[in-house]
Every structure is written in structure tokens, then in C-alpha cells.
């Protein structure tokens, strides 16, 4: 495609943020770190389970038997100001895009052929994850011509176009991208324009591909937050690792009473990450048989995520007072 116009990326991230609340990922990605996964839609015989969101409507994409870059394609008309996105939907009829652990796809690409009635249309490629609050995407550039153009986004964090979080506009770190890939759910393609005209956009040959030569993904440290309180005879807490939900889910939490010699109370496990709440918080509670007045706190030790290899930092809560 034409130039990547990175200076426009932050200004246009709202195009995607407008619709993400209606596009919660479907299904659960597999555990472990398998070989790179590949997903591909040629749209030669159907829409292959892709949907279109126009801001107010989320429905199967229109399929066209001819007119694509090579055979069929899918298309939609987008209206200002919300415009919208194309999205693969796992589990929908004809879908070839099953969720999966795509950690080993780090260094690969998202690719799509796109056409538009407005050649100045910018194209964003990205994906949804059930292991991170990050909505990874990048500006693949403008179409730049009437007809079809290929857009591609490298799944790395040291390239142009730069992968960002389409919600915040922040550049992604290697560990953040790796965590998001571990929960790969679906690909999206978002057209963005600078004027207020309706546009008709075609999509063909959408693909997730791994690197030609696999290499270790850049794992690293993931920060966590731990909230802790006592109410109604129970200790309650929430562990949050918004950039890597696997660092919050099923974690061991130790509850301690403060003192010259700290007193061990119990060890409990957090729940699975709540995918319906931002940040994927995991919760826990514990009801002691007997309780002594005083200050208590909770701790979670450092661990390595089995899902993506990131290091989850140790964390200690603020004190909770029991009267």
C-alpha cells in the first residue's frame, strides 16, 4: 500500500475503539506454546464466517462470487462517523479462523488485500485476544489507487508500521504482544478515512502467517496489581494483570497477619480471568474459621506464565484491617 502515515495512527484509533465493545472474543485459546498457526480466507465460495460491524450493526459480511483480487471477496459500505470493521468470528458458519495460541507467530504477519471507492482510505490490521486488554493493530497505509492493494503488518514490535494498542494508542512492547498472541481470537480489518463520505470497501485474501524462520518470542516482565479487603467475615481480593491475563488467572495468593512475626493464615487461588471486565481481573475470597483483630495483607509470588513464557512480578497488597 501507499505510505504508512504513522503520524495519523493515534488520531484514527477511535475508528476501532468505537466498535470493540460489541466484539468480545469467542472461545478459548489453547494452552502451551505450539508451532506457528496459519489462518487464511480467500472468500472464493463464501464469506467464511467473517462479519462486519458498522457501529450500530454486527452481521455477516456480504459475499461476492466475483470481483475480488482473485475470485470472490466480501464487501461493506461504511458510513461516517463511526465507520466500522471486518472481523473473523470463530465458530460462525463457514469460519476457518479457530482461536489458538499464536505466540510462535511472533515475527510473522497479518496480510489482506483491500479495495475502496476512496483511494485515500487508510487500512488498519489487527487482532483480538482473550489473554490481554491490548487491542493490537497497526496502520498498514493508504490504498493509494483505485482497485486492489495489499496491506501487511509485521507481528513484531521493532518495525514500521509500529504495532500499537488501538484503544490507548500506546506502542506495544515485546512481552505485551507475546501475551496478546497467546490468546489470539480473531483478525480484524478496519478502514479509516479523513473526510465525511461513505465508502464501499472490499476484502480478500486475509491471512495470519508465522515467520519464515521461527525464533524465540521476546518474553519479559508483566506488572500486576493486588487489591485486598475484609468484609462480612471474609477476605476478598482481586489480582489484575491487564497486559497478560495469564498472570492473574489461577494464581496462588497467601494471606498473612501483620506482626513482629507475621502469621500465615491461608493460601488460596484466584479465579479465571473475567473476560467481560476490562483488564481481565481474577478474584478470590477466604472465610477463616476464627479471626483475630489486626492488620492483614496478601502476597503473590513471582511466576512464569505457562501460556506465553512471560514473568509475572511478585506483588503485595495494602493492609486490610479486621476490627
C-alpha atoms as a PDB file:
ATOM      1  CA  UNK A   1       0.000   0.000   0.000  1.00  0.00           C
ATOM      2  CA  UNK A   2       0.971   3.657  -0.064  1.00  0.00           C
ATOM      3  CA  UNK A   3       2.928   5.223   2.811  1.00  0.00           C
ATOM      4  CA  UNK A   4       2.189   4.113   6.349  1.00  0.00           C
ATOM      5  CA  UNK A   5       1.401   7.624   7.621  1.00  0.00           C
ATOM      6  CA  UNK A   6       2.351   6.758  11.188  1.00  0.00           C
ATOM      7  CA  UNK A   7       1.653  10.309  12.347  1.00  0.00           C
ATOM      8  CA  UNK A   8      -2.051   9.655  11.703  1.00  0.00           C
ATOM      9  CA  UNK A   9      -2.277   6.448  13.711  1.00  0.00           C
ATOM     10  CA  UNK A  10      -3.140   7.948  17.087  1.00  0.00           C
ATOM     11  CA  UNK A  11      -5.735  10.267  15.548  1.00  0.00           C
ATOM     12  CA  UNK A  12      -7.617   7.380  13.959  1.00  0.00           C
ATOM     13  CA  UNK A  13      -7.539   4.717  16.682  1.00  0.00           C
ATOM     14  CA  UNK A  14     -11.062   5.767  17.641  1.00  0.00           C
ATOM     15  CA  UNK A  15     -12.344   4.058  14.493  1.00  0.00           C
ATOM     16  CA  UNK A  16     -11.582   0.726  16.113  1.00  0.00           C
ATOM     17  CA  UNK A  17     -12.284   1.695  19.721  1.00  0.00           C
ATOM     18  CA  UNK A  18     -15.851   2.649  18.774  1.00  0.00           C
ATOM     19  CA  UNK A  19     -16.778  -0.942  17.982  1.00  0.00           C
ATOM     20  CA  UNK A  20     -14.673  -3.166  20.247  1.00  0.00           C
ATOM     21  CA  UNK A  21     -17.291  -3.386  22.991  1.00  0.00           C
ATOM     22  CA  UNK A  22     -19.522  -5.381  20.621  1.00  0.00           C
ATOM     23  CA  UNK A  23     -16.736  -7.706  19.506  1.00  0.00           C
ATOM     24  CA  UNK A  24     -15.785  -9.751  22.559  1.00  0.00           C
ATOM     25  CA  UNK A  25     -13.648 -12.739  21.504  1.00  0.00           C
ATOM     26  CA  UNK A  26     -15.363 -16.117  21.192  1.00  0.00           C
ATOM     27  CA  UNK A  27     -13.954 -19.375  22.577  1.00  0.00           C
ATOM     28  CA  UNK A  28     -10.746 -20.129  24.464  1.00  0.00           C
ATOM     29  CA  UNK A  29      -7.259 -20.298  23.015  1.00  0.00           C
ATOM     30  CA  UNK A  30      -5.272 -23.446  23.513  1.00  0.00           C
ATOM     31  CA  UNK A  31      -2.620 -23.591  26.232  1.00  0.00           C
ATOM     32  CA  UNK A  32       1.123 -24.062  25.774  1.00  0.00           C
ATOM     33  CA  UNK A  33       3.338 -22.664  23.034  1.00  0.00           C
ATOM     34  CA  UNK A  34       2.720 -24.693  19.862  1.00  0.00           C
ATOM     35  CA  UNK A  35       4.161 -24.262  16.405  1.00  0.00           C
ATOM     36  CA  UNK A  36       3.037 -21.156  14.462  1.00  0.00           C
ATOM     37  CA  UNK A  37      -0.600 -21.240  13.397  1.00  0.00           C
ATOM     38  CA  UNK A  38      -1.886 -20.201   9.988  1.00  0.00           C
ATOM     39  CA  UNK A  39      -5.319 -18.798   9.149  1.00  0.00           C
ATOM     40  CA  UNK A  40      -6.462 -17.843   5.635  1.00  0.00           C
ATOM     41  CA  UNK A  41      -9.650 -16.660   3.928  1.00  0.00           C
ATOM     42  CA  UNK A  42      -9.816 -16.454   0.114  1.00  0.00           C
ATOM     43  CA  UNK A  43     -13.625 -15.897   0.025  1.00  0.00           C
ATOM     44  CA  UNK A  44     -13.924 -17.908  -3.180  1.00  0.00           C
ATOM     45  CA  UNK A  45     -17.098 -19.750  -2.139  1.00  0.00           C
ATOM     46  CA  UNK A  46     -18.469 -17.951   0.932  1.00  0.00           C
ATOM     47  CA  UNK A  47     -17.831 -15.197   3.489  1.00  0.00           C
ATOM     48  CA  UNK A  48     -16.022 -17.851   5.601  1.00  0.00           C
ATOM     49  CA  UNK A  49     -17.559 -16.670   8.851  1.00  0.00           C
ATOM     50  CA  UNK A  50     -16.452 -13.030   8.587  1.00  0.00           C
ATOM     51  CA  UNK A  51     -18.745 -10.357   9.997  1.00  0.00           C
ATOM     52  CA  UNK A  52     -18.998  -6.596   9.568  1.00  0.00           C
ATOM     53  CA  UNK A  53     -19.588  -4.051  12.311  1.00  0.00           C
ATOM     54  CA  UNK A  54     -20.831  -0.642  11.235  1.00  0.00           C
ATOM     55  CA  UNK A  55     -21.003   0.788  14.742  1.00  0.00           C
ATOM     56  CA  UNK A  56     -24.711   0.010  15.170  1.00  0.00           C
ATOM     57  CA  UNK A  57     -24.951  -3.374  13.462  1.00  0.00           C
ATOM     58  CA  UNK A  58     -22.912  -6.584  13.655  1.00  0.00           C
ATOM     59  CA  UNK A  59     -23.850  -9.035  10.916  1.00  0.00           C
ATOM     60  CA  UNK A  60     -22.371 -11.470   8.350  1.00  0.00           C
ATOM     61  CA  UNK A  61     -20.378  -9.743   5.620  1.00  0.00           C
ATOM     62  CA  UNK A  62     -21.785  -9.558   2.086  1.00  0.00           C
ATOM     63  CA  UNK A  63     -20.140 -12.184  -0.107  1.00  0.00           C
ATOM     64  CA  UNK A  64     -19.476 -11.598  -3.808  1.00  0.00           C
ATOM     65  CA  UNK A  65     -18.727 -14.549  -6.107  1.00  0.00           C
ATOM     66  CA  UNK A  66     -16.632 -12.347  -8.427  1.00  0.00           C
ATOM     67  CA  UNK A  67     -14.819  -9.043  -8.268  1.00  0.00           C
ATOM     68  CA  UNK A  68     -12.176  -9.923  -5.715  1.00  0.00           C
ATOM     69  CA  UNK A  69      -8.436  -9.726  -6.105  1.00  0.00           C
ATOM     70  CA  UNK A  70      -8.581 -13.410  -7.039  1.00  0.00           C
ATOM     71  CA  UNK A  71     -12.107 -14.827  -7.312  1.00  0.00           C
ATOM     72  CA  UNK A  72     -14.660 -13.844  -4.673  1.00  0.00           C
ATOM     73  CA  UNK A  73     -14.467 -11.283  -1.886  1.00  0.00           C
ATOM     74  CA  UNK A  74     -16.526  -9.737   0.906  1.00  0.00           C
ATOM     75  CA  UNK A  75     -17.576  -6.106   0.983  1.00  0.00           C
ATOM     76  CA  UNK A  76     -19.429  -3.492   3.021  1.00  0.00           C
ATOM     77  CA  UNK A  77     -20.424   0.148   2.863  1.00  0.00           C
ATOM     78  CA  UNK A  78     -19.269   2.183   5.842  1.00  0.00           C
ATOM     79  CA  UNK A  79     -20.824   5.490   6.862  1.00  0.00           C
ATOM     80  CA  UNK A  80     -19.336   8.294   8.954  1.00  0.00           C
ATOM     81  CA  UNK A  81     -18.632   8.988  11.710  1.00  0.00           C
ATOM     82  CA  UNK A  82     -18.234   5.501  13.220  1.00  0.00           C
ATOM     83  CA  UNK A  83     -17.341   3.611  10.020  1.00  0.00           C
ATOM     84  CA  UNK A  84     -16.566   0.071  11.261  1.00  0.00           C
ATOM     85  CA  UNK A  85     -14.546  -3.095  10.770  1.00  0.00           C
ATOM     86  CA  UNK A  86     -14.426  -6.536   9.162  1.00  0.00           C
ATOM     87  CA  UNK A  87     -13.817  -9.345  11.677  1.00  0.00           C
ATOM     88  CA  UNK A  88     -13.317 -13.091  11.508  1.00  0.00           C
ATOM     89  CA  UNK A  89     -15.695 -14.730  14.005  1.00  0.00           C
ATOM     90  CA  UNK A  90     -14.634 -18.109  15.430  1.00  0.00           C
ATOM     91  CA  UNK A  91     -17.407 -20.685  15.474  1.00  0.00           C
ATOM     92  CA  UNK A  92     -19.619 -18.880  12.970  1.00  0.00           C
ATOM     93  CA  UNK A  93     -20.857 -20.884   9.929  1.00  0.00           C
ATOM     94  CA  UNK A  94     -18.047 -21.497   7.462  1.00  0.00           C
ATOM     95  CA  UNK A  95     -15.368 -19.987   9.694  1.00  0.00           C
ATOM     96  CA  UNK A  96     -11.792 -21.104   9.071  1.00  0.00           C
ATOM     97  CA  UNK A  97     -10.419 -18.942  11.894  1.00  0.00           C
ATOM     98  CA  UNK A  98     -10.317 -21.054  15.045  1.00  0.00           C
ATOM     99  CA  UNK A  99      -8.772 -19.399  18.129  1.00  0.00           C
ATOM    100  CA  UNK A 100      -5.295 -20.558  19.028  1.00  0.00           C
ATOM    101  CA  UNK A 101      -2.051 -19.835  20.833  1.00  0.00           C
ATOM    102  CA  UNK A 102      -0.120 -17.748  18.302  1.00  0.00           C
ATOM    103  CA  UNK A 103       2.948 -16.965  20.432  1.00  0.00           C
ATOM    104  CA  UNK A 104       5.133 -18.672  17.836  1.00  0.00           C
ATOM    105  CA  UNK A 105       3.645 -16.409  15.138  1.00  0.00           C
ATOM    106  CA  UNK A 106       5.730 -13.552  16.564  1.00  0.00           C
ATOM    107  CA  UNK A 107       7.775 -12.378  13.597  1.00  0.00           C
ATOM    108  CA  UNK A 108       5.044 -13.366  11.134  1.00  0.00           C
ATOM    109  CA  UNK A 109       2.421 -11.122   9.535  1.00  0.00           C
ATOM    110  CA  UNK A 110      -1.200 -10.160   9.197  1.00  0.00           C
ATOM    111  CA  UNK A 111      -1.963  -9.658   5.482  1.00  0.00           C
ATOM    112  CA  UNK A 112      -5.035  -8.607   3.495  1.00  0.00           C
ATOM    113  CA  UNK A 113      -5.991  -7.325   0.050  1.00  0.00           C
ATOM    114  CA  UNK A 114      -8.277  -4.287   0.304  1.00  0.00           C
ATOM    115  CA  UNK A 115     -10.140  -2.106  -2.206  1.00  0.00           C
ATOM    116  CA  UNK A 116     -12.093   1.100  -1.600  1.00  0.00           C
ATOM    117  CA  UNK A 117     -14.127   3.646  -3.520  1.00  0.00           C
ATOM    118  CA  UNK A 118     -11.885   6.232  -1.825  1.00  0.00           C
ATOM    119  CA  UNK A 119      -8.158   5.668  -2.602  1.00  0.00           C
ATOM    120  CA  UNK A 120      -7.186   7.758   0.441  1.00  0.00           C
ATOM    121  CA  UNK A 121      -8.677   5.109   2.741  1.00  0.00           C
ATOM    122  CA  UNK A 122      -6.241   4.058   5.441  1.00  0.00           C
ATOM    123  CA  UNK A 123      -6.259   0.408   6.446  1.00  0.00           C
ATOM    124  CA  UNK A 124      -5.654  -0.916   9.945  1.00  0.00           C
ATOM    125  CA  UNK A 125      -4.928  -4.605  10.508  1.00  0.00           C
ATOM    126  CA  UNK A 126      -5.082  -6.138  13.976  1.00  0.00           C
ATOM    127  CA  UNK A 127      -6.416  -8.911  16.150  1.00  0.00           C
ATOM    128  CA  UNK A 128      -8.491  -9.611  19.250  1.00  0.00           C
ATOM    129  CA  UNK A 129      -7.107 -11.577  22.196  1.00  0.00           C
ATOM    130  CA  UNK A 130      -8.602 -13.303  25.235  1.00  0.00           C
ATOM    131  CA  UNK A 131      -5.300 -13.027  27.134  1.00  0.00           C
ATOM    132  CA  UNK A 132      -4.843  -9.264  27.170  1.00  0.00           C
ATOM    133  CA  UNK A 133      -6.719  -5.970  27.277  1.00  0.00           C
ATOM    134  CA  UNK A 134      -4.482  -4.849  24.408  1.00  0.00           C
ATOM    135  CA  UNK A 135      -6.146  -4.483  21.009  1.00  0.00           C
ATOM    136  CA  UNK A 136      -3.073  -4.944  18.818  1.00  0.00           C
ATOM    137  CA  UNK A 137      -3.159  -3.166  15.457  1.00  0.00           C
ATOM    138  CA  UNK A 138      -1.116  -1.085  13.031  1.00  0.00           C
ATOM    139  CA  UNK A 139      -1.733   1.318  10.191  1.00  0.00           C
ATOM    140  CA  UNK A 140      -0.866  -0.595   7.020  1.00  0.00           C
ATOM    141  CA  UNK A 141      -1.057   2.586   4.950  1.00  0.00           C
ATOM    142  CA  UNK A 142      -3.484   4.041   2.427  1.00  0.00           C
ATOM    143  CA  UNK A 143      -4.805   2.114  -0.564  1.00  0.00           C
ATOM    144  CA  UNK A 144      -3.429   4.856  -2.797  1.00  0.00           C
ATOM    145  CA  UNK A 145      -5.157   3.751  -6.009  1.00  0.00           C
ATOM    146  CA  UNK A 146      -8.464   2.624  -7.451  1.00  0.00           C
ATOM    147  CA  UNK A 147      -8.586  -1.172  -7.300  1.00  0.00           C
ATOM    148  CA  UNK A 148      -6.891  -3.637  -5.003  1.00  0.00           C
ATOM    149  CA  UNK A 149      -3.846  -3.138  -2.812  1.00  0.00           C
ATOM    150  CA  UNK A 150      -2.138  -5.456  -0.354  1.00  0.00           C
ATOM    151  CA  UNK A 151      -1.659  -4.377   3.234  1.00  0.00           C
ATOM    152  CA  UNK A 152       0.589  -6.164   5.707  1.00  0.00           C
ATOM    153  CA  UNK A 153       1.522  -5.701   9.347  1.00  0.00           C
ATOM    154  CA  UNK A 154       4.598  -7.487  10.767  1.00  0.00           C
ATOM    155  CA  UNK A 155       3.909  -9.127  14.135  1.00  0.00           C
ATOM    156  CA  UNK A 156       6.955  -7.585  15.785  1.00  0.00           C
ATOM    157  CA  UNK A 157       7.496  -4.513  17.947  1.00  0.00           C
ATOM    158  CA  UNK A 158      10.580  -3.022  16.285  1.00  0.00           C
ATOM    159  CA  UNK A 159       9.241  -2.420  12.765  1.00  0.00           C
ATOM    160  CA  UNK A 160       7.330   0.168  10.783  1.00  0.00           C
ATOM    161  CA  UNK A 161       4.354   0.135  10.822  1.00  0.00           C
ATOM    162  CA  UNK A 162       4.548   0.083  14.610  1.00  0.00           C
ATOM    163  CA  UNK A 163       2.083  -2.159  16.402  1.00  0.00           C
ATOM    164  CA  UNK A 164       0.061  -0.199  18.939  1.00  0.00           C
ATOM    165  CA  UNK A 165      -2.796  -0.730  21.339  1.00  0.00           C
ATOM    166  CA  UNK A 166      -5.702   0.581  19.274  1.00  0.00           C
ATOM    167  CA  UNK A 167      -7.541   1.579  22.469  1.00  0.00           C
ATOM    168  CA  UNK A 168      -4.824   3.710  24.100  1.00  0.00           C
ATOM    169  CA  UNK A 169      -2.595   4.430  21.084  1.00  0.00           C
ATOM    170  CA  UNK A 170       0.483   3.285  23.050  1.00  0.00           C
ATOM    171  CA  UNK A 171       3.290   1.403  21.302  1.00  0.00           C
ATOM    172  CA  UNK A 172       3.397  -2.269  22.270  1.00  0.00           C
ATOM    173  CA  UNK A 173       6.353  -3.896  23.991  1.00  0.00           C
ATOM    174  CA  UNK A 174       7.541  -7.366  23.034  1.00  0.00           C
ATOM    175  CA  UNK A 175       6.071  -9.054  26.148  1.00  0.00           C
ATOM    176  CA  UNK A 176       2.734  -7.282  25.623  1.00  0.00           C
ATOM    177  CA  UNK A 177       2.491  -8.502  22.030  1.00  0.00           C
ATOM    178  CA  UNK A 178       3.517 -12.025  23.020  1.00  0.00           C
ATOM    179  CA  UNK A 179       0.784 -12.120  25.687  1.00  0.00           C
ATOM    180  CA  UNK A 180      -1.827 -10.914  23.202  1.00  0.00           C
ATOM    181  CA  UNK A 181      -0.740 -13.512  20.615  1.00  0.00           C
ATOM    182  CA  UNK A 182      -1.075 -16.268  23.230  1.00  0.00           C
ATOM    183  CA  UNK A 183      -4.809 -15.573  23.289  1.00  0.00           C
ATOM    184  CA  UNK A 184      -5.333 -14.998  19.558  1.00  0.00           C
ATOM    185  CA  UNK A 185      -9.072 -14.989  18.835  1.00  0.00           C
ATOM    186  CA  UNK A 186      -9.716 -13.277  15.517  1.00  0.00           C
ATOM    187  CA  UNK A 187      -8.333 -10.859  12.928  1.00  0.00           C
ATOM    188  CA  UNK A 188      -9.906  -7.537  12.046  1.00  0.00           C
ATOM    189  CA  UNK A 189      -9.517  -5.096   9.171  1.00  0.00           C
ATOM    190  CA  UNK A 190     -10.582  -1.502   9.831  1.00  0.00           C
ATOM    191  CA  UNK A 191     -10.851   1.170   7.110  1.00  0.00           C
ATOM    192  CA  UNK A 192     -10.219   4.749   8.186  1.00  0.00           C
ATOM    193  CA  UNK A 193     -10.795   7.935   6.203  1.00  0.00           C
ATOM    194  CA  UNK A 194     -10.211  11.634   6.738  1.00  0.00           C
ATOM    195  CA  UNK A 195     -13.406  13.049   5.210  1.00  0.00           C
ATOM    196  CA  UNK A 196     -17.112  12.525   5.941  1.00  0.00           C
ATOM    197  CA  UNK A 197     -18.066  10.458   2.895  1.00  0.00           C
ATOM    198  CA  UNK A 198     -19.455   6.923   2.841  1.00  0.00           C
ATOM    199  CA  UNK A 199     -17.074   4.347   1.385  1.00  0.00           C
ATOM    200  CA  UNK A 200     -17.514   0.850  -0.056  1.00  0.00           C
ATOM    201  CA  UNK A 201     -14.658  -1.446   0.915  1.00  0.00           C
ATOM    202  CA  UNK A 202     -13.758  -4.901  -0.379  1.00  0.00           C
ATOM    203  CA  UNK A 203     -11.672  -7.505   1.477  1.00  0.00           C
ATOM    204  CA  UNK A 204      -9.876 -10.534   0.025  1.00  0.00           C
ATOM    205  CA  UNK A 205      -7.069 -12.935   0.943  1.00  0.00           C
ATOM    206  CA  UNK A 206      -6.977 -12.198   4.686  1.00  0.00           C
ATOM    207  CA  UNK A 207      -4.227 -14.138   6.396  1.00  0.00           C
ATOM    208  CA  UNK A 208      -2.329 -14.778   9.621  1.00  0.00           C
ATOM    209  CA  UNK A 209       1.057 -16.343   8.906  1.00  0.00           C
ATOM    210  CA  UNK A 210       4.045 -17.276  11.022  1.00  0.00           C
ATOM    211  CA  UNK A 211       7.675 -16.270  10.398  1.00  0.00           C
ATOM    212  CA  UNK A 212       9.701 -17.970   7.666  1.00  0.00           C
ATOM    213  CA  UNK A 213      12.300 -18.847  10.270  1.00  0.00           C
ATOM    214  CA  UNK A 214      10.903 -19.331  13.804  1.00  0.00           C
ATOM    215  CA  UNK A 215      12.761 -17.645  16.647  1.00  0.00           C
ATOM    216  CA  UNK A 216      12.145 -17.259  20.392  1.00  0.00           C
ATOM    217  CA  UNK A 217       9.496 -14.594  21.135  1.00  0.00           C
ATOM    218  CA  UNK A 218      10.674 -11.675  23.314  1.00  0.00           C
ATOM    219  CA  UNK A 219       9.163 -12.555  26.672  1.00  0.00           C
ATOM    220  CA  UNK A 220       9.634 -10.261  29.653  1.00  0.00           C
ATOM    221  CA  UNK A 221       8.166  -8.868  32.853  1.00  0.00           C
ATOM    222  CA  UNK A 222       4.451  -8.238  33.393  1.00  0.00           C
ATOM    223  CA  UNK A 223       3.307  -5.970  36.230  1.00  0.00           C
ATOM    224  CA  UNK A 224       0.396  -7.000  38.464  1.00  0.00           C
ATOM    225  CA  UNK A 225      -1.868  -5.197  40.947  1.00  0.00           C
ATOM    226  CA  UNK A 226      -3.402  -6.813  44.028  1.00  0.00           C
ATOM    227  CA  UNK A 227      -6.465  -5.423  45.818  1.00  0.00           C
ATOM    228  CA  UNK A 228      -7.360  -6.840  49.239  1.00  0.00           C
ATOM    229  CA  UNK A 229     -10.091  -6.188  51.823  1.00  0.00           C
ATOM    230  CA  UNK A 230     -12.079  -7.731  54.688  1.00  0.00           C
ATOM    231  CA  UNK A 231     -15.873  -7.570  54.749  1.00  0.00           C
ATOM    232  CA  UNK A 232     -18.784  -9.652  56.042  1.00  0.00           C
ATOM    233  CA  UNK A 233     -16.494 -12.177  57.721  1.00  0.00           C
ATOM    234  CA  UNK A 234     -14.410 -12.857  54.611  1.00  0.00           C
ATOM    235  CA  UNK A 235     -11.224 -11.727  52.969  1.00  0.00           C
ATOM    236  CA  UNK A 236     -11.775 -10.639  49.370  1.00  0.00           C
ATOM    237  CA  UNK A 237      -9.259  -9.758  46.683  1.00  0.00           C
ATOM    238  CA  UNK A 238      -8.675  -9.021  43.029  1.00  0.00           C
ATOM    239  CA  UNK A 239      -5.495  -9.697  41.033  1.00  0.00           C
ATOM    240  CA  UNK A 240      -5.095  -7.688  37.835  1.00  0.00           C
ATOM    241  CA  UNK A 241      -2.561  -8.113  35.031  1.00  0.00           C
ATOM    242  CA  UNK A 242      -4.211  -6.178  32.221  1.00  0.00           C
ATOM    243  CA  UNK A 243      -1.409  -6.830  29.724  1.00  0.00           C
ATOM    244  CA  UNK A 244      -1.320 -10.592  30.362  1.00  0.00           C
ATOM    245  CA  UNK A 245      -4.390 -12.248  31.861  1.00  0.00           C
ATOM    246  CA  UNK A 246      -2.481 -15.485  32.447  1.00  0.00           C
ATOM    247  CA  UNK A 247      -0.528 -13.637  35.147  1.00  0.00           C
ATOM    248  CA  UNK A 248      -3.764 -13.132  37.113  1.00  0.00           C
ATOM    249  CA  UNK A 249      -5.698 -16.345  36.494  1.00  0.00           C
ATOM    250  CA  UNK A 250      -5.337 -19.300  38.872  1.00  0.00           C
ATOM    251  CA  UNK A 251      -2.562 -17.617  40.851  1.00  0.00           C
ATOM    252  CA  UNK A 252      -1.631 -18.662  44.403  1.00  0.00           C
ATOM    253  CA  UNK A 253      -2.393 -15.936  46.956  1.00  0.00           C
ATOM    254  CA  UNK A 254      -1.015 -16.079  50.503  1.00  0.00           C
ATOM    255  CA  UNK A 255      -2.880 -14.255  53.304  1.00  0.00           C
ATOM    256  CA  UNK A 256      -0.825 -13.095  56.306  1.00  0.00           C
ATOM    257  CA  UNK A 257      -1.499 -11.234  59.588  1.00  0.00           C
ATOM    258  CA  UNK A 258       0.994  -8.477  60.233  1.00  0.00           C
ATOM    259  CA  UNK A 259       3.114  -8.517  63.382  1.00  0.00           C
ATOM    260  CA  UNK A 260       6.655  -8.715  64.701  1.00  0.00           C
ATOM    261  CA  UNK A 261       6.477 -12.264  63.472  1.00  0.00           C
ATOM    262  CA  UNK A 262       3.985 -12.441  60.548  1.00  0.00           C
ATOM    263  CA  UNK A 263       1.332 -15.139  60.961  1.00  0.00           C
ATOM    264  CA  UNK A 264       0.413 -17.316  57.996  1.00  0.00           C
ATOM    265  CA  UNK A 265      -3.364 -17.564  57.561  1.00  0.00           C
ATOM    266  CA  UNK A 266      -4.100 -19.355  54.298  1.00  0.00           C
ATOM    267  CA  UNK A 267      -3.212 -19.864  50.645  1.00  0.00           C
ATOM    268  CA  UNK A 268      -5.983 -19.616  48.056  1.00  0.00           C
ATOM    269  CA  UNK A 269      -6.189 -19.488  44.268  1.00  0.00           C
ATOM    270  CA  UNK A 270      -7.642 -16.773  42.107  1.00  0.00           C
ATOM    271  CA  UNK A 271     -10.429 -17.436  39.630  1.00  0.00           C
ATOM    272  CA  UNK A 272     -10.062 -17.468  35.875  1.00  0.00           C
ATOM    273  CA  UNK A 273      -9.699 -14.019  34.318  1.00  0.00           C
ATOM    274  CA  UNK A 274     -13.044 -12.267  33.869  1.00  0.00           C
ATOM    275  CA  UNK A 275     -13.120 -11.573  30.133  1.00  0.00           C
ATOM    276  CA  UNK A 276     -16.243  -9.449  30.453  1.00  0.00           C
ATOM    277  CA  UNK A 277     -14.434  -6.811  32.515  1.00  0.00           C
ATOM    278  CA  UNK A 278     -11.629  -4.576  31.297  1.00  0.00           C
ATOM    279  CA  UNK A 279      -8.233  -5.803  32.446  1.00  0.00           C
ATOM    280  CA  UNK A 280      -9.374  -9.422  32.910  1.00  0.00           C
ATOM    281  CA  UNK A 281      -9.431  -9.308  36.734  1.00  0.00           C
ATOM    282  CA  UNK A 282      -9.244 -12.566  38.670  1.00  0.00           C
ATOM    283  CA  UNK A 283     -10.833 -12.724  42.125  1.00  0.00           C
ATOM    284  CA  UNK A 284     -10.511 -14.735  45.328  1.00  0.00           C
ATOM    285  CA  UNK A 285     -12.131 -14.947  48.752  1.00  0.00           C
ATOM    286  CA  UNK A 286     -11.462 -16.764  52.006  1.00  0.00           C
ATOM    287  CA  UNK A 287     -13.565 -17.177  55.159  1.00  0.00           C
ATOM    288  CA  UNK A 288     -11.445 -18.001  58.216  1.00  0.00           C
ATOM    289  CA  UNK A 289     -12.883 -20.257  60.919  1.00  0.00           C
ATOM    290  CA  UNK A 290     -11.795 -17.743  63.525  1.00  0.00           C
ATOM    291  CA  UNK A 291     -10.391 -14.264  63.168  1.00  0.00           C
ATOM    292  CA  UNK A 292      -8.149 -12.083  65.309  1.00  0.00           C
ATOM    293  CA  UNK A 293      -8.298  -8.308  65.211  1.00  0.00           C
ATOM    294  CA  UNK A 294      -5.392  -6.758  63.372  1.00  0.00           C
ATOM    295  CA  UNK A 295      -3.913  -5.856  60.000  1.00  0.00           C
ATOM    296  CA  UNK A 296      -3.668  -8.394  57.239  1.00  0.00           C
ATOM    297  CA  UNK A 297      -2.163  -8.411  53.764  1.00  0.00           C
ATOM    298  CA  UNK A 298      -1.947 -10.705  50.757  1.00  0.00           C
ATOM    299  CA  UNK A 299       1.021 -11.621  48.589  1.00  0.00           C
ATOM    300  CA  UNK A 300       1.556 -13.318  45.232  1.00  0.00           C
ATOM    301  CA  UNK A 301       4.970 -14.703  44.349  1.00  0.00           C
ATOM    302  CA  UNK A 302       6.803 -14.340  41.042  1.00  0.00           C
ATOM    303  CA  UNK A 303       5.870 -16.960  38.452  1.00  0.00           C
ATOM    304  CA  UNK A 304       6.407 -17.748  34.797  1.00  0.00           C
ATOM    305  CA  UNK A 305       3.281 -17.903  32.664  1.00  0.00           C
ATOM    306  CA  UNK A 306       2.797 -21.366  31.177  1.00  0.00           C
ATOM    307  CA  UNK A 307       0.729 -19.798  28.412  1.00  0.00           C
ATOM    308  CA  UNK A 308       3.257 -17.352  26.973  1.00  0.00           C
ATOM    309  CA  UNK A 309       6.520 -17.537  28.954  1.00  0.00           C
ATOM    310  CA  UNK A 310       6.297 -14.030  30.446  1.00  0.00           C
ATOM    311  CA  UNK A 311       7.494 -13.406  34.009  1.00  0.00           C
ATOM    312  CA  UNK A 312       4.672 -12.312  36.319  1.00  0.00           C
ATOM    313  CA  UNK A 313       6.049  -9.992  39.003  1.00  0.00           C
ATOM    314  CA  UNK A 314       5.620 -10.569  42.733  1.00  0.00           C
ATOM    315  CA  UNK A 315       3.079  -8.270  44.340  1.00  0.00           C
ATOM    316  CA  UNK A 316       1.876  -7.395  47.857  1.00  0.00           C
ATOM    317  CA  UNK A 317      -1.412  -5.735  48.724  1.00  0.00           C
ATOM    318  CA  UNK A 318      -2.082  -2.808  51.009  1.00  0.00           C
ATOM    319  CA  UNK A 319      -3.181  -3.734  54.545  1.00  0.00           C
ATOM    320  CA  UNK A 320      -6.748  -4.749  55.313  1.00  0.00           C
ATOM    321  CA  UNK A 321      -7.862  -4.100  58.937  1.00  0.00           C
ATOM    322  CA  UNK A 322     -10.040  -6.539  60.857  1.00  0.00           C
ATOM    323  CA  UNK A 323     -11.746  -4.833  63.848  1.00  0.00           C
END
